PDB file of N, CA and C in Angstrom:
ATOM      1  N   MET A   1     -59.370   4.245 -26.953  1.00  0.00           N
ATOM      2  CA  MET A   1     -60.492   4.461 -26.081  1.00  0.00           C
ATOM      3  C   MET A   1     -61.747   3.942 -26.770  1.00  0.00           C
ATOM      4  N   ILE A   2     -62.574   3.281 -26.004  1.00  0.00           N
ATOM      5  CA  ILE A   2     -63.839   2.761 -26.508  1.00  0.00           C
ATOM      6  C   ILE A   2     -64.952   3.569 -25.863  1.00  0.00           C
ATOM      7  N   SER A   3     -65.865   4.075 -26.668  1.00  0.00           N
ATOM      8  CA  SER A   3     -66.985   4.826 -26.112  1.00  0.00           C
ATOM      9  C   SER A   3     -68.293   4.201 -26.581  1.00  0.00           C
ATOM     10  N   PHE A   4     -69.265   4.236 -25.696  1.00  0.00           N
ATOM     11  CA  PHE A   4     -70.583   3.694 -25.982  1.00  0.00           C
ATOM     12  C   PHE A   4     -71.609   4.767 -25.665  1.00  0.00           C
ATOM     13  N   GLY A   5     -72.803   4.581 -26.172  1.00  0.00           N
ATOM     14  CA  GLY A   5     -73.881   5.518 -25.882  1.00  0.00           C
ATOM     15  C   GLY A   5     -74.308   5.431 -24.426  1.00  0.00           C
ATOM     16  N   PRO A   6     -75.119   6.380 -23.978  1.00  0.00           N
ATOM     17  CA  PRO A   6     -75.516   6.418 -22.565  1.00  0.00           C
ATOM     18  C   PRO A   6     -76.427   5.274 -22.145  1.00  0.00           C
ATOM     19  N   MET A   7     -77.075   4.608 -23.086  1.00  0.00           N
ATOM     20  CA  MET A   7     -78.005   3.529 -22.739  1.00  0.00           C
ATOM     21  C   MET A   7     -77.376   2.138 -22.829  1.00  0.00           C
ATOM     22  N   VAL A   8     -76.116   2.051 -23.188  1.00  0.00           N
ATOM     23  CA  VAL A   8     -75.455   0.755 -23.337  1.00  0.00           C
ATOM     24  C   VAL A   8     -74.988   0.253 -21.973  1.00  0.00           C
ATOM     25  N   ARG A   9     -75.312  -0.995 -21.701  1.00  0.00           N
ATOM     26  CA  ARG A   9     -74.860  -1.628 -20.458  1.00  0.00           C
ATOM     27  C   ARG A   9     -73.706  -2.570 -20.783  1.00  0.00           C
ATOM     28  N   VAL A  10     -72.781  -2.700 -19.834  1.00  0.00           N
ATOM     29  CA  VAL A  10     -71.632  -3.590 -20.000  1.00  0.00           C
ATOM     30  C   VAL A  10     -71.734  -4.673 -18.947  1.00  0.00           C
ATOM     31  N   PHE A  11     -71.745  -5.931 -19.391  1.00  0.00           N
ATOM     32  CA  PHE A  11     -71.813  -7.078 -18.495  1.00  0.00           C
ATOM     33  C   PHE A  11     -70.474  -7.802 -18.533  1.00  0.00           C
ATOM     34  N   VAL A  12     -69.931  -8.082 -17.373  1.00  0.00           N
ATOM     35  CA  VAL A  12     -68.644  -8.769 -17.267  1.00  0.00           C
ATOM     36  C   VAL A  12     -68.891 -10.139 -16.646  1.00  0.00           C
ATOM     37  N   ALA A  13     -68.522 -11.190 -17.369  1.00  0.00           N
ATOM     38  CA  ALA A  13     -68.679 -12.554 -16.858  1.00  0.00           C
ATOM     39  C   ALA A  13     -67.698 -12.784 -15.711  1.00  0.00           C
ATOM     40  N   THR A  14     -68.156 -13.413 -14.662  1.00  0.00           N
ATOM     41  CA  THR A  14     -67.305 -13.657 -13.497  1.00  0.00           C
ATOM     42  C   THR A  14     -66.489 -14.935 -13.612  1.00  0.00           C
ATOM     43  N   GLN A  15     -66.919 -15.838 -14.482  1.00  0.00           N
ATOM     44  CA  GLN A  15     -66.215 -17.099 -14.681  1.00  0.00           C
ATOM     45  C   GLN A  15     -65.495 -17.065 -16.023  1.00  0.00           C
ATOM     46  N   PRO A  16     -64.332 -17.690 -16.112  1.00  0.00           N
ATOM     47  CA  PRO A  16     -63.624 -17.732 -17.403  1.00  0.00           C
ATOM     48  C   PRO A  16     -64.376 -18.609 -18.406  1.00  0.00           C
ATOM     49  N   ILE A  17     -64.124 -18.359 -19.691  1.00  0.00           N
ATOM     50  CA  ILE A  17     -64.757 -19.140 -20.755  1.00  0.00           C
ATOM     51  C   ILE A  17     -63.689 -19.863 -21.565  1.00  0.00           C
ATOM     52  N   ASP A  18     -64.143 -20.805 -22.360  1.00  0.00           N
ATOM     53  CA  ASP A  18     -63.286 -21.499 -23.306  1.00  0.00           C
ATOM     54  C   ASP A  18     -63.043 -20.546 -24.479  1.00  0.00           C
ATOM     55  N   PHE A  19     -61.826 -20.111 -24.670  1.00  0.00           N
ATOM     56  CA  PHE A  19     -61.530 -19.108 -25.677  1.00  0.00           C
ATOM     57  C   PHE A  19     -61.575 -19.639 -27.103  1.00  0.00           C
ATOM     58  N   ARG A  20     -61.872 -20.923 -27.268  1.00  0.00           N
ATOM     59  CA  ARG A  20     -62.070 -21.456 -28.613  1.00  0.00           C
ATOM     60  C   ARG A  20     -63.454 -21.126 -29.143  1.00  0.00           C
ATOM     61  N   LYS A  21     -64.343 -20.644 -28.276  1.00  0.00           N
ATOM     62  CA  LYS A  21     -65.694 -20.293 -28.712  1.00  0.00           C
ATOM     63  C   LYS A  21     -65.644 -19.110 -29.669  1.00  0.00           C
ATOM     64  N   GLY A  22     -66.449 -19.211 -30.709  1.00  0.00           N
ATOM     65  CA  GLY A  22     -66.564 -18.121 -31.665  1.00  0.00           C
ATOM     66  C   GLY A  22     -67.791 -17.282 -31.362  1.00  0.00           C
ATOM     67  N   VAL A  23     -68.208 -16.503 -32.332  1.00  0.00           N
ATOM     68  CA  VAL A  23     -69.348 -15.610 -32.145  1.00  0.00           C
ATOM     69  C   VAL A  23     -70.610 -16.389 -31.790  1.00  0.00           C
ATOM     70  N   HIS A  24     -70.894 -17.447 -32.530  1.00  0.00           N
ATOM     71  CA  HIS A  24     -72.127 -18.205 -32.298  1.00  0.00           C
ATOM     72  C   HIS A  24     -72.124 -18.876 -30.934  1.00  0.00           C
ATOM     73  N   GLY A  25     -70.975 -19.386 -30.504  1.00  0.00           N
ATOM     74  CA  GLY A  25     -70.865 -19.995 -29.186  1.00  0.00           C
ATOM     75  C   GLY A  25     -71.064 -18.982 -28.072  1.00  0.00           C
ATOM     76  N   LEU A  26     -70.534 -17.783 -28.246  1.00  0.00           N
ATOM     77  CA  LEU A  26     -70.703 -16.736 -27.237  1.00  0.00           C
ATOM     78  C   LEU A  26     -72.134 -16.229 -27.191  1.00  0.00           C
ATOM     79  N   VAL A  27     -72.775 -16.119 -28.364  1.00  0.00           N
ATOM     80  CA  VAL A  27     -74.184 -15.715 -28.396  1.00  0.00           C
ATOM     81  C   VAL A  27     -75.029 -16.737 -27.642  1.00  0.00           C
ATOM     82  N   ALA A  28     -74.780 -18.021 -27.867  1.00  0.00           N
ATOM     83  CA  ALA A  28     -75.510 -19.073 -27.157  1.00  0.00           C
ATOM     84  C   ALA A  28     -75.242 -19.003 -25.654  1.00  0.00           C
ATOM     85  N   LEU A  29     -74.011 -18.734 -25.272  1.00  0.00           N
ATOM     86  CA  LEU A  29     -73.661 -18.624 -23.860  1.00  0.00           C
ATOM     87  C   LEU A  29     -74.400 -17.464 -23.208  1.00  0.00           C
ATOM     88  N   VAL A  30     -74.459 -16.332 -23.880  1.00  0.00           N
ATOM     89  CA  VAL A  30     -75.170 -15.171 -23.343  1.00  0.00           C
ATOM     90  C   VAL A  30     -76.656 -15.472 -23.200  1.00  0.00           C
ATOM     91  N   ALA A  31     -77.245 -16.042 -24.239  1.00  0.00           N
ATOM     92  CA  ALA A  31     -78.688 -16.292 -24.245  1.00  0.00           C
ATOM     93  C   ALA A  31     -79.097 -17.386 -23.273  1.00  0.00           C
ATOM     94  N   GLU A  32     -78.379 -18.498 -23.263  1.00  0.00           N
ATOM     95  CA  GLU A  32     -78.783 -19.645 -22.459  1.00  0.00           C
ATOM     96  C   GLU A  32     -78.137 -19.662 -21.084  1.00  0.00           C
ATOM     97  N   GLY A  33     -76.842 -19.408 -21.032  1.00  0.00           N
ATOM     98  CA  GLY A  33     -76.126 -19.507 -19.763  1.00  0.00           C
ATOM     99  C   GLY A  33     -76.285 -18.306 -18.859  1.00  0.00           C
ATOM    100  N   LEU A  34     -76.331 -17.122 -19.450  1.00  0.00           N
ATOM    101  CA  LEU A  34     -76.406 -15.896 -18.653  1.00  0.00           C
ATOM    102  C   LEU A  34     -77.801 -15.289 -18.616  1.00  0.00           C
ATOM    103  N   GLY A  35     -78.699 -15.788 -19.461  1.00  0.00           N
ATOM    104  CA  GLY A  35     -80.059 -15.251 -19.505  1.00  0.00           C
ATOM    105  C   GLY A  35     -80.128 -13.850 -20.083  1.00  0.00           C
ATOM    106  N   GLY A  36     -79.136 -13.465 -20.864  1.00  0.00           N
ATOM    107  CA  GLY A  36     -79.091 -12.128 -21.453  1.00  0.00           C
ATOM    108  C   GLY A  36     -79.708 -12.084 -22.828  1.00  0.00           C
ATOM    109  N   LYS A  37     -79.704 -10.898 -23.399  1.00  0.00           N
ATOM    110  CA  LYS A  37     -80.234 -10.678 -24.740  1.00  0.00           C
ATOM    111  C   LYS A  37     -79.075 -10.226 -25.621  1.00  0.00           C
ATOM    112  N   PRO A  38     -78.447 -11.149 -26.345  1.00  0.00           N
ATOM    113  CA  PRO A  38     -77.242 -10.810 -27.098  1.00  0.00           C
ATOM    114  C   PRO A  38     -77.456  -9.797 -28.215  1.00  0.00           C
ATOM    115  N   TYR A  39     -78.673  -9.619 -28.691  1.00  0.00           N
ATOM    116  CA  TYR A  39     -78.935  -8.694 -29.792  1.00  0.00           C
ATOM    117  C   TYR A  39     -79.520  -7.365 -29.303  1.00  0.00           C
ATOM    118  N   SER A  40     -79.321  -7.045 -28.036  1.00  0.00           N
ATOM    119  CA  SER A  40     -79.864  -5.813 -27.461  1.00  0.00           C
ATOM    120  C   SER A  40     -78.939  -4.616 -27.622  1.00  0.00           C
ATOM    121  N   GLY A  41     -77.682  -4.867 -28.000  1.00  0.00           N
ATOM    122  CA  GLY A  41     -76.718  -3.777 -28.107  1.00  0.00           C
ATOM    123  C   GLY A  41     -75.845  -3.643 -26.875  1.00  0.00           C
ATOM    124  N   ASP A  42     -76.136  -4.433 -25.840  1.00  0.00           N
ATOM    125  CA  ASP A  42     -75.295  -4.422 -24.642  1.00  0.00           C
ATOM    126  C   ASP A  42     -73.960  -5.086 -24.947  1.00  0.00           C
ATOM    127  N   VAL A  43     -72.956  -4.769 -24.162  1.00  0.00           N
ATOM    128  CA  VAL A  43     -71.609  -5.309 -24.350  1.00  0.00           C
ATOM    129  C   VAL A  43     -71.386  -6.410 -23.321  1.00  0.00           C
ATOM    130  N   TYR A  44     -70.886  -7.542 -23.781  1.00  0.00           N
ATOM    131  CA  TYR A  44     -70.572  -8.670 -22.906  1.00  0.00           C
ATOM    132  C   TYR A  44     -69.070  -8.896 -22.944  1.00  0.00           C
ATOM    133  N   VAL A  45     -68.462  -8.946 -21.762  1.00  0.00           N
ATOM    134  CA  VAL A  45     -67.010  -9.085 -21.643  1.00  0.00           C
ATOM    135  C   VAL A  45     -66.706 -10.440 -21.019  1.00  0.00           C
ATOM    136  N   PHE A  46     -65.794 -11.175 -21.646  1.00  0.00           N
ATOM    137  CA  PHE A  46     -65.381 -12.495 -21.167  1.00  0.00           C
ATOM    138  C   PHE A  46     -63.872 -12.503 -21.009  1.00  0.00           C
ATOM    139  N   ARG A  47     -63.388 -13.354 -20.099  1.00  0.00           N
ATOM    140  CA  ARG A  47     -61.943 -13.472 -19.894  1.00  0.00           C
ATOM    141  C   ARG A  47     -61.525 -14.922 -20.040  1.00  0.00           C
ATOM    142  N   SER A  48     -60.241 -15.097 -20.315  1.00  0.00           N
ATOM    143  CA  SER A  48     -59.697 -16.449 -20.433  1.00  0.00           C
ATOM    144  C   SER A  48     -59.422 -17.020 -19.047  1.00  0.00           C
ATOM    145  N   LYS A  49     -59.108 -18.288 -19.003  1.00  0.00           N
ATOM    146  CA  LYS A  49     -58.853 -18.959 -17.732  1.00  0.00           C
ATOM    147  C   LYS A  49     -57.666 -18.340 -16.992  1.00  0.00           C
ATOM    148  N   ARG A  50     -56.631 -17.942 -17.732  1.00  0.00           N
ATOM    149  CA  ARG A  50     -55.454 -17.334 -17.111  1.00  0.00           C
ATOM    150  C   ARG A  50     -55.613 -15.832 -16.897  1.00  0.00           C
ATOM    151  N   SER A  51     -56.727 -15.292 -17.310  1.00  0.00           N
ATOM    152  CA  SER A  51     -57.027 -13.859 -17.182  1.00  0.00           C
ATOM    153  C   SER A  51     -56.037 -12.980 -17.926  1.00  0.00           C
ATOM    154  N   ASP A  52     -55.471 -13.490 -19.006  1.00  0.00           N
ATOM    155  CA  ASP A  52     -54.532 -12.685 -19.777  1.00  0.00           C
ATOM    156  C   ASP A  52     -55.112 -12.240 -21.119  1.00  0.00           C
ATOM    157  N   ARG A  53     -56.355 -12.625 -21.400  1.00  0.00           N
ATOM    158  CA  ARG A  53     -57.009 -12.241 -22.649  1.00  0.00           C
ATOM    159  C   ARG A  53     -58.467 -11.900 -22.375  1.00  0.00           C
ATOM    160  N   LEU A  54     -59.019 -11.026 -23.201  1.00  0.00           N
ATOM    161  CA  LEU A  54     -60.418 -10.622 -23.095  1.00  0.00           C
ATOM    162  C   LEU A  54     -61.106 -10.805 -24.433  1.00  0.00           C
ATOM    163  N   LYS A  55     -62.427 -11.035 -24.376  1.00  0.00           N
ATOM    164  CA  LYS A  55     -63.263 -11.033 -25.566  1.00  0.00           C
ATOM    165  C   LYS A  55     -64.474 -10.165 -25.263  1.00  0.00           C
ATOM    166  N   LEU A  56     -64.800  -9.301 -26.197  1.00  0.00           N
ATOM    167  CA  LEU A  56     -65.996  -8.478 -26.104  1.00  0.00           C
ATOM    168  C   LEU A  56     -66.952  -8.903 -27.194  1.00  0.00           C
ATOM    169  N   LEU A  57     -68.228  -8.945 -26.856  1.00  0.00           N
ATOM    170  CA  LEU A  57     -69.262  -9.313 -27.806  1.00  0.00           C
ATOM    171  C   LEU A  57     -70.340  -8.244 -27.763  1.00  0.00           C
ATOM    172  N   VAL A  58     -70.686  -7.695 -28.919  1.00  0.00           N
ATOM    173  CA  VAL A  58     -71.721  -6.658 -28.972  1.00  0.00           C
ATOM    174  C   VAL A  58     -72.414  -6.715 -30.331  1.00  0.00           C
ATOM    175  N   PHE A  59     -73.699  -6.415 -30.338  1.00  0.00           N
ATOM    176  CA  PHE A  59     -74.461  -6.309 -31.584  1.00  0.00           C
ATOM    177  C   PHE A  59     -74.478  -4.842 -31.973  1.00  0.00           C
ATOM    178  N   ASP A  60     -73.983  -4.515 -33.167  1.00  0.00           N
ATOM    179  CA  ASP A  60     -73.868  -3.111 -33.575  1.00  0.00           C
ATOM    180  C   ASP A  60     -75.018  -2.628 -34.457  1.00  0.00           C
ATOM    181  N   GLY A  61     -76.059  -3.421 -34.578  1.00  0.00           N
ATOM    182  CA  GLY A  61     -77.204  -3.038 -35.396  1.00  0.00           C
ATOM    183  C   GLY A  61     -77.232  -3.729 -36.742  1.00  0.00           C
ATOM    184  N   SER A  62     -76.066  -4.135 -37.221  1.00  0.00           N
ATOM    185  CA  SER A  62     -76.019  -4.833 -38.505  1.00  0.00           C
ATOM    186  C   SER A  62     -75.450  -6.241 -38.371  1.00  0.00           C
ATOM    187  N   GLY A  63     -74.854  -6.554 -37.240  1.00  0.00           N
ATOM    188  CA  GLY A  63     -74.287  -7.872 -37.008  1.00  0.00           C
ATOM    189  C   GLY A  63     -73.537  -7.925 -35.691  1.00  0.00           C
ATOM    190  N   MET A  64     -73.126  -9.127 -35.330  1.00  0.00           N
ATOM    191  CA  MET A  64     -72.384  -9.307 -34.087  1.00  0.00           C
ATOM    192  C   MET A  64     -70.929  -8.923 -34.309  1.00  0.00           C
ATOM    193  N   VAL A  65     -70.361  -8.264 -33.327  1.00  0.00           N
ATOM    194  CA  VAL A  65     -68.955  -7.891 -33.360  1.00  0.00           C
ATOM    195  C   VAL A  65     -68.272  -8.585 -32.199  1.00  0.00           C
ATOM    196  N   GLN A  66     -67.212  -9.316 -32.509  1.00  0.00           N
ATOM    197  CA  GLN A  66     -66.413  -9.967 -31.470  1.00  0.00           C
ATOM    198  C   GLN A  66     -65.014  -9.382 -31.546  1.00  0.00           C
ATOM    199  N   GLU A  67     -64.568  -8.854 -30.455  1.00  0.00           N
ATOM    200  CA  GLU A  67     -63.223  -8.282 -30.383  1.00  0.00           C
ATOM    201  C   GLU A  67     -62.455  -9.034 -29.316  1.00  0.00           C
ATOM    202  N   SER A  68     -61.258  -9.435 -29.633  1.00  0.00           N
ATOM    203  CA  SER A  68     -60.444 -10.119 -28.620  1.00  0.00           C
ATOM    204  C   SER A  68     -59.011  -9.634 -28.748  1.00  0.00           C
ATOM    205  N   TRP A  69     -58.340  -9.599 -27.633  1.00  0.00           N
ATOM    206  CA  TRP A  69     -56.951  -9.185 -27.637  1.00  0.00           C
ATOM    207  C   TRP A  69     -56.284  -9.627 -26.340  1.00  0.00           C
ATOM    208  N   PRO A  70     -54.985  -9.814 -26.371  1.00  0.00           N
ATOM    209  CA  PRO A  70     -54.260 -10.113 -25.136  1.00  0.00           C
ATOM    210  C   PRO A  70     -54.077  -8.842 -24.338  1.00  0.00           C
ATOM    211  N   ARG A  71     -54.129  -8.969 -23.056  1.00  0.00           N
ATOM    212  CA  ARG A  71     -53.903  -7.835 -22.166  1.00  0.00           C
ATOM    213  C   ARG A  71     -52.913  -8.254 -21.105  1.00  0.00           C
ATOM    214  N   LYS A  72     -52.073  -7.342 -20.701  1.00  0.00           N
ATOM    215  CA  LYS A  72     -51.157  -7.589 -19.600  1.00  0.00           C
ATOM    216  C   LYS A  72     -51.601  -6.720 -18.447  1.00  0.00           C
ATOM    217  N   PHE A  73     -52.235  -7.342 -17.481  1.00  0.00           N
ATOM    218  CA  PHE A  73     -52.774  -6.599 -16.346  1.00  0.00           C
ATOM    219  C   PHE A  73     -51.663  -6.245 -15.369  1.00  0.00           C
ATOM    220  N   GLY A  74     -51.804  -5.108 -14.742  1.00  0.00           N
ATOM    221  CA  GLY A  74     -50.842  -4.694 -13.726  1.00  0.00           C
ATOM    222  C   GLY A  74     -49.608  -4.045 -14.295  1.00  0.00           C
ATOM    223  N   GLN A  75     -49.577  -3.763 -15.572  1.00  0.00           N
ATOM    224  CA  GLN A  75     -48.399  -3.109 -16.170  1.00  0.00           C
ATOM    225  C   GLN A  75     -48.796  -1.793 -16.771  1.00  0.00           C
TER     226      GLN A  75
END
């Protein structure tokens, strides 16, 4: 289970991303492509083209955290 504070917002990208992007590429995507503030502490969720993997990006106060894992939806 993942828990966040009451002031944390979660943004889910509607379009798939290139999963070869690393932390710096995702930060640039959030800042330039989505108009967001990647260092605000909000959580940004991205999915792969096949929708079988997720990436989360969040600033935890000391650095960027990128979490990714495969998911099997519908099971």
